[in-house]
C-alpha cells in the first residue's frame, strides 16, 4: 500500500508578517524582523546564524543513529545513545559500510551494540534497535529511515519483562473420538507476530489423540503433539512467522476410541518487525 502524504497549506501572508520580530515560545526560535540589515545591531547575519545554531541543536538529537548515503554504495551511521532492554547503550558511529548492489538490506544495532547490515530483522523486536532499510539498485542507494519504529511505540499492557508478549489459550472441555484435524480455536491476528512458544496440557487422554497448530492450512509445529495427562508438553515450532490476518488455529485429531479431557493449548506470541 502506497503512503499518503497530506497537502498542508501555508498560513496567510498577513498572518506570517505579524510574526516579525517575535519569538516562538514552543521552540525558543525568533523570527527575524523585516528590515533587519547588515548594519543592524545585531546584524542580519548574526540573527540568522543564531536561529540556525539553535535549529541545529534541536535537530542534533534526532540525527543520532541516522543512516546516510556516503556515495559509492557505502553508508554511514551517526553516533547514538539509546536504551535497550533497560540498559543504557552507546554506538560511536560508522563510515564506509558497503552495501551490495541490487540488494535490499535492513540496518540495525544488535543487543551487543554492533552494527548489522542483514537480509532480515531479528524475530525478537525487543532485542535490537532498527535504523533503516537500504535498497541498492544500479549503483544508487535509497534509504528509508525506520527509527520511528523505536521512537513512536506504545508499550503493551503486559510487564516489560515479557517483551510485548500476547498469551492466548485454547480450551476444550472434552474432545471425542473420530476427529480429523478439527479446529477447536481460531485466532485472526491484526498484526505480524512471531510464535514464541506452545504449551499443551490435559487432565486425561486415551487411545490415539494429537494436537496441531496451523496458520491457514500450513502446520506450524514440527510434529503433531501427543498430550500427556497431567503434564505440560512443549512442542518444537517449525514455522514461527505469523503474518497479519493469517488465521491461526488449534486442531485436534483422534481415532475411534481417542479422547482428551480438559485440553488447554497456550500460544505465546510476540510482536514482529517485517521489512
C-alpha atoms as a PDB file:
ATOM      1  CA  UNK A   1       0.000   0.000   0.000  1.00  0.00           C
ATOM      2  CA  UNK A   2       1.374   3.416  -1.005  1.00  0.00           C
ATOM      3  CA  UNK A   3       1.883   6.063   1.645  1.00  0.00           C
ATOM      4  CA  UNK A   4      -0.439   9.069   1.615  1.00  0.00           C
ATOM      5  CA  UNK A   5       1.043  12.449   2.474  1.00  0.00           C
ATOM      6  CA  UNK A   6      -1.128  15.437   3.412  1.00  0.00           C
ATOM      7  CA  UNK A   7      -1.106  18.646   1.381  1.00  0.00           C
ATOM      8  CA  UNK A   8      -0.518  21.144   4.178  1.00  0.00           C
ATOM      9  CA  UNK A   9      -1.441  24.758   3.371  1.00  0.00           C
ATOM     10  CA  UNK A  10       0.746  27.743   4.163  1.00  0.00           C
ATOM     11  CA  UNK A  11      -0.664  30.379   6.540  1.00  0.00           C
ATOM     12  CA  UNK A  12      -1.835  33.659   5.011  1.00  0.00           C
ATOM     13  CA  UNK A  13       0.843  36.242   4.214  1.00  0.00           C
ATOM     14  CA  UNK A  14      -0.678  38.717   6.654  1.00  0.00           C
ATOM     15  CA  UNK A  15      -0.508  36.179   9.491  1.00  0.00           C
ATOM     16  CA  UNK A  16       3.140  35.458   8.748  1.00  0.00           C
ATOM     17  CA  UNK A  17       4.021  39.161   8.627  1.00  0.00           C
ATOM     18  CA  UNK A  18       2.671  39.533  12.167  1.00  0.00           C
ATOM     19  CA  UNK A  19       5.447  37.184  13.336  1.00  0.00           C
ATOM     20  CA  UNK A  20       8.198  39.707  12.504  1.00  0.00           C
ATOM     21  CA  UNK A  21      10.445  40.238  15.496  1.00  0.00           C
ATOM     22  CA  UNK A  22       8.553  37.766  17.720  1.00  0.00           C
ATOM     23  CA  UNK A  23       9.787  34.538  19.302  1.00  0.00           C
ATOM     24  CA  UNK A  24       8.104  31.139  19.013  1.00  0.00           C
ATOM     25  CA  UNK A  25       7.629  30.065  22.633  1.00  0.00           C
ATOM     26  CA  UNK A  26       7.456  26.346  21.808  1.00  0.00           C
ATOM     27  CA  UNK A  27      10.969  26.264  20.351  1.00  0.00           C
ATOM     28  CA  UNK A  28      12.620  29.476  21.553  1.00  0.00           C
ATOM     29  CA  UNK A  29      13.319  30.385  17.920  1.00  0.00           C
ATOM     30  CA  UNK A  30      12.989  34.060  16.931  1.00  0.00           C
ATOM     31  CA  UNK A  31      11.539  35.416  13.692  1.00  0.00           C
ATOM     32  CA  UNK A  32      13.889  37.989  12.147  1.00  0.00           C
ATOM     33  CA  UNK A  33      12.145  41.330  11.832  1.00  0.00           C
ATOM     34  CA  UNK A  34      11.527  42.905   8.439  1.00  0.00           C
ATOM     35  CA  UNK A  35      14.152  45.475   7.591  1.00  0.00           C
ATOM     36  CA  UNK A  36      16.996  43.837   9.511  1.00  0.00           C
ATOM     37  CA  UNK A  37      20.164  44.710   7.606  1.00  0.00           C
ATOM     38  CA  UNK A  38      23.908  44.034   7.720  1.00  0.00           C
ATOM     39  CA  UNK A  39      24.291  47.278   9.676  1.00  0.00           C
ATOM     40  CA  UNK A  40      21.560  46.431  12.216  1.00  0.00           C
ATOM     41  CA  UNK A  41      22.524  45.593  15.789  1.00  0.00           C
ATOM     42  CA  UNK A  42      22.592  42.617  15.988  1.00  0.00           C
ATOM     43  CA  UNK A  43      23.182  42.322  12.237  1.00  0.00           C
ATOM     44  CA  UNK A  44      21.077  40.168   9.932  1.00  0.00           C
ATOM     45  CA  UNK A  45      23.967  37.671   9.724  1.00  0.00           C
ATOM     46  CA  UNK A  46      24.187  37.336  13.493  1.00  0.00           C
ATOM     47  CA  UNK A  47      20.413  36.967  13.911  1.00  0.00           C
ATOM     48  CA  UNK A  48      20.158  34.439  11.061  1.00  0.00           C
ATOM     49  CA  UNK A  49      23.057  32.352  12.388  1.00  0.00           C
ATOM     50  CA  UNK A  50      21.588  32.410  15.885  1.00  0.00           C
ATOM     51  CA  UNK A  51      18.414  30.796  14.531  1.00  0.00           C
ATOM     52  CA  UNK A  52      20.432  28.280  12.531  1.00  0.00           C
ATOM     53  CA  UNK A  53      22.572  27.385  15.544  1.00  0.00           C
ATOM     54  CA  UNK A  54      19.508  26.793  17.702  1.00  0.00           C
ATOM     55  CA  UNK A  55      17.804  24.762  14.977  1.00  0.00           C
ATOM     56  CA  UNK A  56      20.858  22.545  14.682  1.00  0.00           C
ATOM     57  CA  UNK A  57      20.838  21.957  18.423  1.00  0.00           C
ATOM     58  CA  UNK A  58      17.201  20.872  18.208  1.00  0.00           C
ATOM     59  CA  UNK A  59      17.883  18.572  15.242  1.00  0.00           C
ATOM     60  CA  UNK A  60      21.058  17.043  16.688  1.00  0.00           C
ATOM     61  CA  UNK A  61      19.157  14.684  18.974  1.00  0.00           C
ATOM     62  CA  UNK A  62      17.143  13.228  16.099  1.00  0.00           C
ATOM     63  CA  UNK A  63      20.221  12.956  13.893  1.00  0.00           C
ATOM     64  CA  UNK A  64      21.518  10.238  16.234  1.00  0.00           C
ATOM     65  CA  UNK A  65      21.606   6.820  14.610  1.00  0.00           C
ATOM     66  CA  UNK A  66      20.621   8.154  11.184  1.00  0.00           C
ATOM     67  CA  UNK A  67      21.853   6.086   8.237  1.00  0.00           C
ATOM     68  CA  UNK A  68      23.138   8.232   5.349  1.00  0.00           C
ATOM     69  CA  UNK A  69      24.412   7.693   1.812  1.00  0.00           C
ATOM     70  CA  UNK A  70      28.181   8.264   1.573  1.00  0.00           C
ATOM     71  CA  UNK A  71      28.327   7.513  -2.153  1.00  0.00           C
ATOM     72  CA  UNK A  72      29.892   4.554  -3.933  1.00  0.00           C
ATOM     73  CA  UNK A  73      27.329   2.118  -2.453  1.00  0.00           C
ATOM     74  CA  UNK A  74      28.530   2.924   1.065  1.00  0.00           C
ATOM     75  CA  UNK A  75      26.542   4.057   4.068  1.00  0.00           C
ATOM     76  CA  UNK A  76      27.477   5.810   7.276  1.00  0.00           C
ATOM     77  CA  UNK A  77      25.704   5.883  10.630  1.00  0.00           C
ATOM     78  CA  UNK A  78      25.706   8.756  13.116  1.00  0.00           C
ATOM     79  CA  UNK A  79      26.630   8.039  16.767  1.00  0.00           C
ATOM     80  CA  UNK A  80      23.715   7.385  19.116  1.00  0.00           C
ATOM     81  CA  UNK A  81      22.955   6.899  22.789  1.00  0.00           C
ATOM     82  CA  UNK A  82      19.878   4.808  23.490  1.00  0.00           C
ATOM     83  CA  UNK A  83      18.167   2.342  25.828  1.00  0.00           C
ATOM     84  CA  UNK A  84      17.822  -1.361  25.031  1.00  0.00           C
ATOM     85  CA  UNK A  85      16.486  -3.956  27.432  1.00  0.00           C
ATOM     86  CA  UNK A  86      16.521  -1.446  30.281  1.00  0.00           C
ATOM     87  CA  UNK A  87      20.262  -0.779  29.814  1.00  0.00           C
ATOM     88  CA  UNK A  88      21.949   2.406  28.602  1.00  0.00           C
ATOM     89  CA  UNK A  89      23.836   1.758  25.372  1.00  0.00           C
ATOM     90  CA  UNK A  90      26.020   3.843  23.070  1.00  0.00           C
ATOM     91  CA  UNK A  91      27.224   3.426  19.483  1.00  0.00           C
ATOM     92  CA  UNK A  92      30.165   5.523  18.311  1.00  0.00           C
ATOM     93  CA  UNK A  93      29.079   5.749  14.658  1.00  0.00           C
ATOM     94  CA  UNK A  94      30.318   4.142  11.454  1.00  0.00           C
ATOM     95  CA  UNK A  95      31.548   5.105   7.993  1.00  0.00           C
ATOM     96  CA  UNK A  96      32.317   3.306   4.738  1.00  0.00           C
ATOM     97  CA  UNK A  97      29.935   0.381   5.246  1.00  0.00           C
ATOM     98  CA  UNK A  98      29.459  -1.346   1.879  1.00  0.00           C
ATOM     99  CA  UNK A  99      26.048  -2.400   0.578  1.00  0.00           C
ATOM    100  CA  UNK A 100      25.904  -4.959  -2.277  1.00  0.00           C
ATOM    101  CA  UNK A 101      24.404  -3.600  -5.468  1.00  0.00           C
ATOM    102  CA  UNK A 102      20.927  -4.828  -6.469  1.00  0.00           C
ATOM    103  CA  UNK A 103      20.019  -5.822  -2.920  1.00  0.00           C
ATOM    104  CA  UNK A 104      17.825  -4.725  -0.046  1.00  0.00           C
ATOM    105  CA  UNK A 105      19.237  -4.729   3.477  1.00  0.00           C
ATOM    106  CA  UNK A 106      17.998  -3.856   6.937  1.00  0.00           C
ATOM    107  CA  UNK A 107      20.327  -1.899   9.202  1.00  0.00           C
ATOM    108  CA  UNK A 108      20.149  -2.183  12.987  1.00  0.00           C
ATOM    109  CA  UNK A 109      22.126  -2.263  16.229  1.00  0.00           C
ATOM    110  CA  UNK A 110      22.012  -5.644  17.951  1.00  0.00           C
ATOM    111  CA  UNK A 111      21.997  -6.479  21.657  1.00  0.00           C
ATOM    112  CA  UNK A 112      25.785  -6.118  21.787  1.00  0.00           C
ATOM    113  CA  UNK A 113      25.503  -2.642  20.185  1.00  0.00           C
ATOM    114  CA  UNK A 114      27.126  -3.962  16.995  1.00  0.00           C
ATOM    115  CA  UNK A 115      26.023  -2.555  13.647  1.00  0.00           C
ATOM    116  CA  UNK A 116      24.327  -5.180  11.484  1.00  0.00           C
ATOM    117  CA  UNK A 117      23.514  -4.993   7.764  1.00  0.00           C
ATOM    118  CA  UNK A 118      21.325  -8.033   7.156  1.00  0.00           C
ATOM    119  CA  UNK A 119      18.652  -9.515   4.931  1.00  0.00           C
ATOM    120  CA  UNK A 120      16.004  -9.684   7.676  1.00  0.00           C
ATOM    121  CA  UNK A 121      15.173  -8.168  11.037  1.00  0.00           C
ATOM    122  CA  UNK A 122      15.696 -10.353  14.108  1.00  0.00           C
ATOM    123  CA  UNK A 123      12.476 -12.065  15.196  1.00  0.00           C
ATOM    124  CA  UNK A 124      12.534 -10.527  18.684  1.00  0.00           C
ATOM    125  CA  UNK A 125      11.685  -6.814  18.371  1.00  0.00           C
ATOM    126  CA  UNK A 126      12.957  -6.174  21.900  1.00  0.00           C
ATOM    127  CA  UNK A 127      16.494  -7.355  21.081  1.00  0.00           C
ATOM    128  CA  UNK A 128      17.642  -4.667  18.619  1.00  0.00           C
ATOM    129  CA  UNK A 129      17.336  -1.026  17.547  1.00  0.00           C
ATOM    130  CA  UNK A 130      16.043  -0.614  13.965  1.00  0.00           C
ATOM    131  CA  UNK A 131      17.737   2.121  11.946  1.00  0.00           C
ATOM    132  CA  UNK A 132      16.973   1.882   8.234  1.00  0.00           C
ATOM    133  CA  UNK A 133      16.044  -0.170   5.195  1.00  0.00           C
ATOM    134  CA  UNK A 134      18.602   0.326   2.417  1.00  0.00           C
ATOM    135  CA  UNK A 135      17.945  -0.572  -1.227  1.00  0.00           C
ATOM    136  CA  UNK A 136      20.755  -0.611  -3.795  1.00  0.00           C
ATOM    137  CA  UNK A 137      19.690  -0.502  -7.456  1.00  0.00           C
ATOM    138  CA  UNK A 138      22.077   0.072 -10.380  1.00  0.00           C
ATOM    139  CA  UNK A 139      24.711   1.663  -8.182  1.00  0.00           C
ATOM    140  CA  UNK A 140      22.322   4.004  -6.386  1.00  0.00           C
ATOM    141  CA  UNK A 141      21.116   3.822  -2.788  1.00  0.00           C
ATOM    142  CA  UNK A 142      17.672   4.549  -1.404  1.00  0.00           C
ATOM    143  CA  UNK A 143      17.476   4.796   2.394  1.00  0.00           C
ATOM    144  CA  UNK A 144      14.232   4.545   4.351  1.00  0.00           C
ATOM    145  CA  UNK A 145      14.624   5.803   7.915  1.00  0.00           C
ATOM    146  CA  UNK A 146      12.795   3.397  10.276  1.00  0.00           C
ATOM    147  CA  UNK A 147      13.991   4.742  13.619  1.00  0.00           C
ATOM    148  CA  UNK A 148      10.373   5.702  14.157  1.00  0.00           C
ATOM    149  CA  UNK A 149       9.620   2.046  14.987  1.00  0.00           C
ATOM    150  CA  UNK A 150      11.524   2.603  18.229  1.00  0.00           C
ATOM    151  CA  UNK A 151      10.689   6.289  18.752  1.00  0.00           C
ATOM    152  CA  UNK A 152       6.932   6.020  18.222  1.00  0.00           C
ATOM    153  CA  UNK A 153       5.946   2.964  20.198  1.00  0.00           C
ATOM    154  CA  UNK A 154       3.072   2.246  22.554  1.00  0.00           C
ATOM    155  CA  UNK A 155       4.167  -0.429  25.071  1.00  0.00           C
ATOM    156  CA  UNK A 156       1.930  -3.443  25.531  1.00  0.00           C
ATOM    157  CA  UNK A 157      -0.074  -3.797  28.730  1.00  0.00           C
ATOM    158  CA  UNK A 158       1.994  -6.766  29.874  1.00  0.00           C
ATOM    159  CA  UNK A 159       5.016  -6.308  32.118  1.00  0.00           C
ATOM    160  CA  UNK A 160       8.117  -5.218  30.269  1.00  0.00           C
ATOM    161  CA  UNK A 161       9.996  -8.403  31.083  1.00  0.00           C
ATOM    162  CA  UNK A 162       7.691 -10.458  28.843  1.00  0.00           C
ATOM    163  CA  UNK A 163       8.717  -8.389  25.811  1.00  0.00           C
ATOM    164  CA  UNK A 164       5.435  -7.452  24.151  1.00  0.00           C
ATOM    165  CA  UNK A 165       4.046 -10.944  24.547  1.00  0.00           C
ATOM    166  CA  UNK A 166       0.466 -11.914  23.742  1.00  0.00           C
ATOM    167  CA  UNK A 167      -0.708 -15.038  25.537  1.00  0.00           C
ATOM    168  CA  UNK A 168      -3.744 -16.897  24.194  1.00  0.00           C
ATOM    169  CA  UNK A 169      -5.220 -20.153  25.467  1.00  0.00           C
ATOM    170  CA  UNK A 170      -7.485 -22.501  23.522  1.00  0.00           C
ATOM    171  CA  UNK A 171      -9.603 -24.705  25.774  1.00  0.00           C
ATOM    172  CA  UNK A 172     -11.821 -27.704  25.090  1.00  0.00           C
ATOM    173  CA  UNK A 173     -13.567 -29.423  27.973  1.00  0.00           C
ATOM    174  CA  UNK A 174     -13.856 -32.683  26.034  1.00  0.00           C
ATOM    175  CA  UNK A 175     -12.606 -33.935  22.671  1.00  0.00           C
ATOM    176  CA  UNK A 176     -14.404 -37.042  21.461  1.00  0.00           C
ATOM    177  CA  UNK A 177     -13.317 -39.779  19.065  1.00  0.00           C
ATOM    178  CA  UNK A 178     -13.167 -39.701  15.266  1.00  0.00           C
ATOM    179  CA  UNK A 179     -11.974 -36.102  14.993  1.00  0.00           C
ATOM    180  CA  UNK A 180      -9.951 -35.411  11.855  1.00  0.00           C
ATOM    181  CA  UNK A 181      -7.978 -32.181  12.081  1.00  0.00           C
ATOM    182  CA  UNK A 182     -10.927 -30.364  13.695  1.00  0.00           C
ATOM    183  CA  UNK A 183     -10.396 -26.747  14.781  1.00  0.00           C
ATOM    184  CA  UNK A 184     -11.245 -26.046  18.416  1.00  0.00           C
ATOM    185  CA  UNK A 185      -9.907 -22.487  18.308  1.00  0.00           C
ATOM    186  CA  UNK A 186      -9.111 -19.881  15.626  1.00  0.00           C
ATOM    187  CA  UNK A 187      -7.283 -16.579  16.069  1.00  0.00           C
ATOM    188  CA  UNK A 188      -7.075 -13.866  13.361  1.00  0.00           C
ATOM    189  CA  UNK A 189      -4.039 -11.650  14.160  1.00  0.00           C
ATOM    190  CA  UNK A 190      -4.307  -7.949  13.403  1.00  0.00           C
ATOM    191  CA  UNK A 191      -0.527  -7.555  13.027  1.00  0.00           C
ATOM    192  CA  UNK A 192       2.594  -9.541  12.162  1.00  0.00           C
ATOM    193  CA  UNK A 193       3.583 -11.783  15.065  1.00  0.00           C
ATOM    194  CA  UNK A 194       6.194 -14.367  16.000  1.00  0.00           C
ATOM    195  CA  UNK A 195       5.044 -17.562  17.722  1.00  0.00           C
ATOM    196  CA  UNK A 196       7.422 -17.805  20.644  1.00  0.00           C
ATOM    197  CA  UNK A 197       6.127 -20.934  22.349  1.00  0.00           C
ATOM    198  CA  UNK A 198       3.331 -23.508  22.638  1.00  0.00           C
ATOM    199  CA  UNK A 199       2.268 -25.484  25.707  1.00  0.00           C
ATOM    200  CA  UNK A 200      -0.245 -28.354  25.665  1.00  0.00           C
ATOM    201  CA  UNK A 201      -1.952 -29.660  28.818  1.00  0.00           C
ATOM    202  CA  UNK A 202      -4.840 -32.004  29.584  1.00  0.00           C
ATOM    203  CA  UNK A 203      -6.180 -33.918  32.561  1.00  0.00           C
ATOM    204  CA  UNK A 204      -6.814 -37.158  30.667  1.00  0.00           C
ATOM    205  CA  UNK A 205      -6.133 -38.709  27.264  1.00  0.00           C
ATOM    206  CA  UNK A 206      -6.949 -42.116  25.801  1.00  0.00           C
ATOM    207  CA  UNK A 207      -6.036 -44.115  22.693  1.00  0.00           C
ATOM    208  CA  UNK A 208      -4.754 -42.076  19.769  1.00  0.00           C
ATOM    209  CA  UNK A 209      -5.056 -38.295  20.092  1.00  0.00           C
ATOM    210  CA  UNK A 210      -2.918 -35.401  18.880  1.00  0.00           C
ATOM    211  CA  UNK A 211      -2.868 -31.612  18.627  1.00  0.00           C
ATOM    212  CA  UNK A 212      -1.510 -29.418  15.825  1.00  0.00           C
ATOM    213  CA  UNK A 213      -1.260 -25.641  15.394  1.00  0.00           C
ATOM    214  CA  UNK A 214      -1.707 -24.235  11.896  1.00  0.00           C
ATOM    215  CA  UNK A 215      -1.606 -20.920  10.098  1.00  0.00           C
ATOM    216  CA  UNK A 216      -4.175 -21.144   7.330  1.00  0.00           C
ATOM    217  CA  UNK A 217      -3.617 -24.741   6.120  1.00  0.00           C
ATOM    218  CA  UNK A 218       0.097 -24.925   6.959  1.00  0.00           C
ATOM    219  CA  UNK A 219       1.362 -26.706  10.074  1.00  0.00           C
ATOM    220  CA  UNK A 220       3.300 -24.532  12.493  1.00  0.00           C
ATOM    221  CA  UNK A 221       4.652 -27.285  14.742  1.00  0.00           C
ATOM    222  CA  UNK A 222       7.399 -29.639  13.618  1.00  0.00           C
ATOM    223  CA  UNK A 223       5.110 -32.572  14.516  1.00  0.00           C
ATOM    224  CA  UNK A 224       1.678 -33.046  16.000  1.00  0.00           C
ATOM    225  CA  UNK A 225       1.672 -33.064  19.804  1.00  0.00           C
ATOM    226  CA  UNK A 226       0.569 -36.126  21.742  1.00  0.00           C
ATOM    227  CA  UNK A 227      -0.909 -34.782  25.008  1.00  0.00           C
ATOM    228  CA  UNK A 228       0.196 -36.310  28.290  1.00  0.00           C
ATOM    229  CA  UNK A 229      -2.333 -36.402  31.125  1.00  0.00           C
ATOM    230  CA  UNK A 230      -1.383 -34.055  33.950  1.00  0.00           C
ATOM    231  CA  UNK A 231       1.773 -32.778  32.244  1.00  0.00           C
ATOM    232  CA  UNK A 232       2.770 -29.770  30.157  1.00  0.00           C
ATOM    233  CA  UNK A 233       4.123 -30.677  26.713  1.00  0.00           C
ATOM    234  CA  UNK A 234       6.195 -28.060  24.854  1.00  0.00           C
ATOM    235  CA  UNK A 235       6.432 -28.972  21.153  1.00  0.00           C
ATOM    236  CA  UNK A 236       9.023 -27.741  18.668  1.00  0.00           C
ATOM    237  CA  UNK A 237       7.928 -24.849  16.437  1.00  0.00           C
ATOM    238  CA  UNK A 238       8.878 -25.264  12.784  1.00  0.00           C
ATOM    239  CA  UNK A 239       7.468 -22.009  11.399  1.00  0.00           C
ATOM    240  CA  UNK A 240       7.186 -19.125  13.867  1.00  0.00           C
ATOM    241  CA  UNK A 241       6.348 -16.283  11.439  1.00  0.00           C
ATOM    242  CA  UNK A 242       2.673 -15.329  11.599  1.00  0.00           C
ATOM    243  CA  UNK A 243       1.502 -12.706   9.116  1.00  0.00           C
ATOM    244  CA  UNK A 244      -1.308 -10.285   9.869  1.00  0.00           C
ATOM    245  CA  UNK A 245      -4.776 -11.633   9.023  1.00  0.00           C
ATOM    246  CA  UNK A 246      -3.364 -15.150   8.574  1.00  0.00           C
ATOM    247  CA  UNK A 247      -5.686 -17.208  10.837  1.00  0.00           C
ATOM    248  CA  UNK A 248      -4.002 -19.373  13.449  1.00  0.00           C
ATOM    249  CA  UNK A 249      -5.934 -22.448  14.526  1.00  0.00           C
ATOM    250  CA  UNK A 250      -5.573 -25.173  17.143  1.00  0.00           C
ATOM    251  CA  UNK A 251      -6.648 -28.518  15.690  1.00  0.00           C
ATOM    252  CA  UNK A 252      -7.235 -31.966  17.199  1.00  0.00           C
ATOM    253  CA  UNK A 253      -7.197 -35.452  15.709  1.00  0.00           C
ATOM    254  CA  UNK A 254      -8.443 -38.638  17.401  1.00  0.00           C
ATOM    255  CA  UNK A 255      -9.138 -42.177  16.309  1.00  0.00           C
ATOM    256  CA  UNK A 256     -12.332 -44.148  17.014  1.00  0.00           C
ATOM    257  CA  UNK A 257     -11.598 -44.559  20.723  1.00  0.00           C
ATOM    258  CA  UNK A 258      -9.435 -41.496  21.282  1.00  0.00           C
ATOM    259  CA  UNK A 259     -10.444 -38.689  23.617  1.00  0.00           C
ATOM    260  CA  UNK A 260      -8.977 -35.743  25.522  1.00  0.00           C
ATOM    261  CA  UNK A 261     -10.333 -34.153  28.699  1.00  0.00           C
ATOM    262  CA  UNK A 262      -9.804 -30.522  29.701  1.00  0.00           C
ATOM    263  CA  UNK A 263      -7.444 -29.733  26.848  1.00  0.00           C
ATOM    264  CA  UNK A 264      -5.650 -26.378  27.118  1.00  0.00           C
ATOM    265  CA  UNK A 265      -3.279 -25.160  24.400  1.00  0.00           C
ATOM    266  CA  UNK A 266      -1.446 -21.936  25.268  1.00  0.00           C
ATOM    267  CA  UNK A 267       0.142 -19.870  22.485  1.00  0.00           C
ATOM    268  CA  UNK A 268       2.838 -17.292  23.273  1.00  0.00           C
ATOM    269  CA  UNK A 269       3.181 -14.561  20.647  1.00  0.00           C
ATOM    270  CA  UNK A 270       5.469 -11.560  20.477  1.00  0.00           C
ATOM    271  CA  UNK A 271       5.476  -8.581  18.145  1.00  0.00           C
ATOM    272  CA  UNK A 272       7.358  -8.984  14.865  1.00  0.00           C
ATOM    273  CA  UNK A 273       9.027  -6.430  12.629  1.00  0.00           C
ATOM    274  CA  UNK A 274       8.957  -7.281   8.940  1.00  0.00           C
ATOM    275  CA  UNK A 275      10.825  -5.482   6.151  1.00  0.00           C
END
